N, C-alpha and C. Protein backbone atom coordinates (compact mmCIF):
# COMPACT_ATOMS: atom_id res chain seq x y z
N UNK A 1 116.67 -127.10 51.13
CA UNK A 1 116.60 -128.42 50.51
C UNK A 1 117.89 -128.65 49.73
N UNK A 2 118.43 -129.85 49.87
CA UNK A 2 119.62 -130.26 49.14
C UNK A 2 119.29 -131.52 48.34
N UNK A 3 119.71 -131.54 47.07
CA UNK A 3 119.39 -132.66 46.18
C UNK A 3 120.64 -133.06 45.41
N UNK A 4 120.87 -134.36 45.30
CA UNK A 4 121.94 -134.92 44.49
C UNK A 4 121.31 -135.98 43.58
N UNK A 5 121.56 -135.88 42.27
CA UNK A 5 120.98 -136.83 41.31
C UNK A 5 122.07 -137.39 40.41
N UNK A 6 121.90 -138.63 40.02
CA UNK A 6 122.75 -139.24 39.00
C UNK A 6 121.89 -140.22 38.20
N UNK A 7 122.26 -140.43 36.94
CA UNK A 7 121.47 -141.34 36.11
C UNK A 7 122.32 -141.92 34.99
N UNK A 8 121.85 -143.05 34.49
CA UNK A 8 122.45 -143.72 33.33
C UNK A 8 121.32 -144.15 32.41
N UNK A 9 121.39 -143.80 31.15
CA UNK A 9 120.47 -144.28 30.13
C UNK A 9 121.28 -145.11 29.14
N UNK A 10 120.81 -146.29 28.82
CA UNK A 10 121.55 -147.19 27.95
C UNK A 10 120.65 -147.70 26.84
N UNK A 11 121.12 -147.61 25.60
CA UNK A 11 120.41 -148.20 24.46
C UNK A 11 120.81 -149.67 24.39
N UNK A 12 119.83 -150.55 24.46
CA UNK A 12 120.10 -151.99 24.43
C UNK A 12 119.97 -152.55 23.01
N UNK A 13 119.06 -151.97 22.23
CA UNK A 13 118.85 -152.39 20.84
C UNK A 13 118.12 -151.25 20.12
N UNK A 14 117.69 -151.50 18.89
CA UNK A 14 116.95 -150.49 18.15
C UNK A 14 115.61 -150.15 18.80
N UNK A 15 115.09 -151.07 19.60
CA UNK A 15 113.76 -150.86 20.19
C UNK A 15 113.73 -150.87 21.71
N UNK A 16 114.86 -151.14 22.37
CA UNK A 16 114.88 -151.26 23.84
C UNK A 16 115.90 -150.30 24.46
N UNK A 17 115.50 -149.70 25.58
CA UNK A 17 116.43 -148.90 26.37
C UNK A 17 116.27 -149.29 27.85
N UNK A 18 117.31 -149.01 28.62
CA UNK A 18 117.29 -149.25 30.06
C UNK A 18 117.67 -147.95 30.77
N UNK A 19 117.11 -147.76 31.95
CA UNK A 19 117.41 -146.57 32.74
C UNK A 19 117.75 -146.98 34.16
N UNK A 20 118.62 -146.22 34.78
CA UNK A 20 118.95 -146.39 36.20
C UNK A 20 119.25 -145.01 36.75
N UNK A 21 118.60 -144.66 37.86
CA UNK A 21 118.92 -143.37 38.46
C UNK A 21 118.87 -143.44 39.98
N UNK A 22 119.59 -142.51 40.59
CA UNK A 22 119.70 -142.41 42.04
C UNK A 22 119.46 -140.95 42.42
N UNK A 23 118.70 -140.74 43.50
CA UNK A 23 118.48 -139.38 44.00
C UNK A 23 118.56 -139.39 45.52
N UNK A 24 119.31 -138.44 46.05
CA UNK A 24 119.41 -138.22 47.49
C UNK A 24 118.85 -136.83 47.76
N UNK A 25 118.00 -136.72 48.77
CA UNK A 25 117.35 -135.45 49.08
C UNK A 25 117.34 -135.24 50.59
N UNK A 26 117.72 -134.03 51.02
CA UNK A 26 117.62 -133.68 52.45
C UNK A 26 116.83 -132.39 52.54
N UNK A 27 115.78 -132.40 53.36
CA UNK A 27 114.93 -131.24 53.54
C UNK A 27 114.85 -130.95 55.04
N UNK A 28 115.40 -129.82 55.44
CA UNK A 28 115.39 -129.41 56.84
C UNK A 28 114.54 -128.17 57.00
N UNK A 29 113.66 -128.18 58.00
CA UNK A 29 112.85 -127.02 58.33
C UNK A 29 113.34 -126.50 59.68
N UNK A 30 114.07 -125.40 59.66
CA UNK A 30 114.64 -124.85 60.89
C UNK A 30 113.57 -124.28 61.83
N UNK A 31 112.46 -123.81 61.28
CA UNK A 31 111.40 -123.25 62.12
C UNK A 31 110.68 -124.35 62.90
N UNK A 32 110.29 -125.42 62.22
CA UNK A 32 109.58 -126.53 62.87
C UNK A 32 110.52 -127.58 63.44
N UNK A 33 111.82 -127.46 63.15
CA UNK A 33 112.82 -128.42 63.63
C UNK A 33 112.54 -129.83 63.14
N UNK A 34 112.20 -129.95 61.85
CA UNK A 34 111.98 -131.27 61.25
C UNK A 34 113.05 -131.52 60.19
N UNK A 35 113.29 -132.78 59.91
CA UNK A 35 114.32 -133.19 58.97
C UNK A 35 113.84 -134.44 58.23
N UNK A 36 113.90 -134.40 56.90
CA UNK A 36 113.55 -135.56 56.08
C UNK A 36 114.73 -135.85 55.16
N UNK A 37 115.20 -137.08 55.18
CA UNK A 37 116.25 -137.53 54.25
C UNK A 37 115.68 -138.69 53.45
N UNK A 38 115.78 -138.56 52.13
CA UNK A 38 115.20 -139.56 51.23
C UNK A 38 116.25 -140.02 50.23
N UNK A 39 116.33 -141.32 50.03
CA UNK A 39 117.14 -141.90 48.96
C UNK A 39 116.19 -142.65 48.03
N UNK A 40 116.40 -142.47 46.73
CA UNK A 40 115.56 -143.15 45.74
C UNK A 40 116.47 -143.83 44.73
N UNK A 41 116.22 -145.10 44.49
CA UNK A 41 116.93 -145.87 43.46
C UNK A 41 115.87 -146.41 42.52
N UNK A 42 116.04 -146.15 41.20
CA UNK A 42 115.02 -146.57 40.24
C UNK A 42 115.68 -147.20 39.02
N UNK A 43 115.11 -148.30 38.55
CA UNK A 43 115.55 -148.95 37.33
C UNK A 43 114.35 -149.18 36.43
N UNK A 44 114.57 -149.15 35.12
CA UNK A 44 113.44 -149.34 34.22
C UNK A 44 113.86 -149.84 32.85
N UNK A 45 112.88 -150.37 32.14
CA UNK A 45 113.06 -150.83 30.76
C UNK A 45 111.98 -150.19 29.90
N UNK A 46 112.36 -149.80 28.68
CA UNK A 46 111.43 -149.20 27.73
C UNK A 46 111.51 -149.96 26.41
N UNK A 47 110.35 -150.18 25.80
CA UNK A 47 110.28 -150.82 24.49
C UNK A 47 109.54 -149.88 23.55
N UNK A 48 110.14 -149.61 22.38
CA UNK A 48 109.55 -148.74 21.37
C UNK A 48 109.39 -149.51 20.07
N UNK A 49 108.15 -149.75 19.66
CA UNK A 49 107.89 -150.44 18.40
C UNK A 49 107.94 -149.41 17.27
N UNK A 50 108.44 -149.78 16.09
CA UNK A 50 108.52 -148.82 14.98
C UNK A 50 107.17 -148.20 14.59
N UNK A 51 106.06 -148.86 14.89
CA UNK A 51 104.74 -148.31 14.55
C UNK A 51 104.31 -147.18 15.48
N UNK A 52 105.04 -146.98 16.59
CA UNK A 52 104.70 -145.93 17.55
C UNK A 52 104.20 -146.46 18.88
N UNK A 53 103.95 -147.75 18.97
CA UNK A 53 103.51 -148.38 20.22
C UNK A 53 104.70 -148.47 21.18
N UNK A 54 104.46 -148.22 22.47
CA UNK A 54 105.54 -148.31 23.46
C UNK A 54 105.07 -148.96 24.75
N UNK A 55 105.99 -149.61 25.43
CA UNK A 55 105.77 -150.22 26.74
C UNK A 55 106.89 -149.78 27.67
N UNK A 56 106.57 -149.65 28.95
CA UNK A 56 107.62 -149.37 29.92
C UNK A 56 107.30 -150.02 31.25
N UNK A 57 108.34 -150.29 32.02
CA UNK A 57 108.20 -150.79 33.38
C UNK A 57 109.31 -150.18 34.22
N UNK A 58 108.98 -149.86 35.47
CA UNK A 58 109.95 -149.26 36.38
C UNK A 58 109.74 -149.79 37.79
N UNK A 59 110.83 -149.92 38.53
CA UNK A 59 110.79 -150.29 39.94
C UNK A 59 111.61 -149.25 40.70
N UNK A 60 111.01 -148.70 41.76
CA UNK A 60 111.65 -147.65 42.54
C UNK A 60 111.68 -148.06 44.00
N UNK A 61 112.85 -147.99 44.62
CA UNK A 61 113.00 -148.22 46.06
C UNK A 61 113.22 -146.87 46.72
N UNK A 62 112.41 -146.56 47.73
CA UNK A 62 112.58 -145.31 48.49
C UNK A 62 112.89 -145.65 49.94
N UNK A 63 113.83 -144.91 50.49
CA UNK A 63 114.21 -145.05 51.90
C UNK A 63 114.14 -143.65 52.50
N UNK A 64 113.26 -143.45 53.50
CA UNK A 64 113.09 -142.15 54.13
C UNK A 64 113.38 -142.23 55.61
N UNK A 65 114.08 -141.21 56.11
CA UNK A 65 114.35 -141.08 57.53
C UNK A 65 113.74 -139.76 57.99
N UNK A 66 112.85 -139.83 58.99
CA UNK A 66 112.14 -138.66 59.49
C UNK A 66 112.55 -138.36 60.92
N UNK A 67 112.81 -137.10 61.22
CA UNK A 67 113.07 -136.67 62.59
C UNK A 67 112.35 -135.36 62.85
N UNK A 68 111.89 -135.17 64.09
CA UNK A 68 111.24 -133.93 64.49
C UNK A 68 109.73 -133.93 64.38
N UNK A 69 109.13 -134.97 63.85
CA UNK A 69 107.68 -134.99 63.64
C UNK A 69 106.90 -135.45 64.87
N UNK A 70 107.53 -136.19 65.78
CA UNK A 70 106.86 -136.63 67.01
C UNK A 70 106.35 -135.44 67.80
N UNK A 71 107.14 -134.38 67.87
CA UNK A 71 106.76 -133.20 68.65
C UNK A 71 105.60 -132.44 68.03
N UNK A 72 105.34 -132.64 66.73
CA UNK A 72 104.24 -131.96 66.05
C UNK A 72 102.94 -132.75 66.09
N UNK A 73 102.98 -133.97 66.64
CA UNK A 73 101.79 -134.80 66.70
C UNK A 73 101.43 -135.41 65.35
N UNK A 74 102.39 -135.47 64.44
CA UNK A 74 102.13 -136.02 63.12
C UNK A 74 102.78 -137.40 63.01
N UNK A 75 103.29 -137.71 61.82
CA UNK A 75 103.92 -139.01 61.59
C UNK A 75 105.03 -139.24 62.62
N UNK A 76 105.12 -140.45 63.12
CA UNK A 76 106.20 -140.72 64.07
C UNK A 76 107.56 -140.68 63.38
N UNK A 77 108.55 -140.32 64.18
CA UNK A 77 109.92 -140.34 63.67
C UNK A 77 110.30 -141.77 63.32
N UNK A 78 111.32 -141.89 62.50
CA UNK A 78 111.80 -143.21 62.17
C UNK A 78 112.17 -143.34 60.72
N UNK A 79 112.25 -144.56 60.29
CA UNK A 79 112.68 -144.86 58.93
C UNK A 79 111.59 -145.63 58.22
N UNK A 80 111.39 -145.30 56.95
CA UNK A 80 110.41 -146.00 56.12
C UNK A 80 111.09 -146.40 54.82
N UNK A 81 110.89 -147.65 54.43
CA UNK A 81 111.45 -148.15 53.18
C UNK A 81 110.32 -148.85 52.44
N UNK A 82 110.15 -148.50 51.14
CA UNK A 82 109.07 -149.10 50.38
C UNK A 82 109.40 -149.09 48.89
N UNK A 83 108.69 -149.95 48.16
CA UNK A 83 108.85 -150.09 46.70
C UNK A 83 107.65 -149.47 45.99
N UNK A 84 107.91 -148.90 44.82
CA UNK A 84 106.86 -148.43 43.92
C UNK A 84 107.11 -149.09 42.57
N UNK A 85 106.10 -149.77 42.03
CA UNK A 85 106.22 -150.44 40.74
C UNK A 85 105.30 -149.76 39.74
N UNK A 86 105.82 -149.44 38.56
CA UNK A 86 105.05 -148.78 37.51
C UNK A 86 105.17 -149.59 36.21
N UNK A 87 104.10 -149.62 35.47
CA UNK A 87 104.10 -150.22 34.13
C UNK A 87 103.09 -149.46 33.29
N UNK A 88 103.37 -149.38 32.01
CA UNK A 88 102.45 -148.65 31.15
C UNK A 88 102.63 -148.96 29.69
N UNK A 89 101.66 -148.51 28.91
CA UNK A 89 101.70 -148.66 27.47
C UNK A 89 101.23 -147.35 26.86
N UNK A 90 101.68 -147.09 25.63
CA UNK A 90 101.28 -145.86 24.97
C UNK A 90 101.49 -145.94 23.47
N UNK A 91 101.14 -144.83 22.85
CA UNK A 91 101.29 -144.73 21.41
C UNK A 91 101.73 -143.32 21.07
N UNK A 92 102.71 -143.20 20.19
CA UNK A 92 103.21 -141.89 19.75
C UNK A 92 102.93 -141.70 18.30
């Protein structure tokens, strides 16, 4: 498995931060002759209230390329691209 990551965290104000990160991953199985390559791009915003209340939201785009799975009778080879959206609240 090979992984490359990069990220940026930015303070926007006393109560707000922004995040951006990128991850590239390659996973090769020489025994089964399968290969998965994944790229992930994620951005997010965080809000921290002085009382301890917090909110966050994130959007992640994933792009996956699969090869070698057709011969195993599993997921078909090809490319898949999809979004994952997260939001939450908490208290510290």
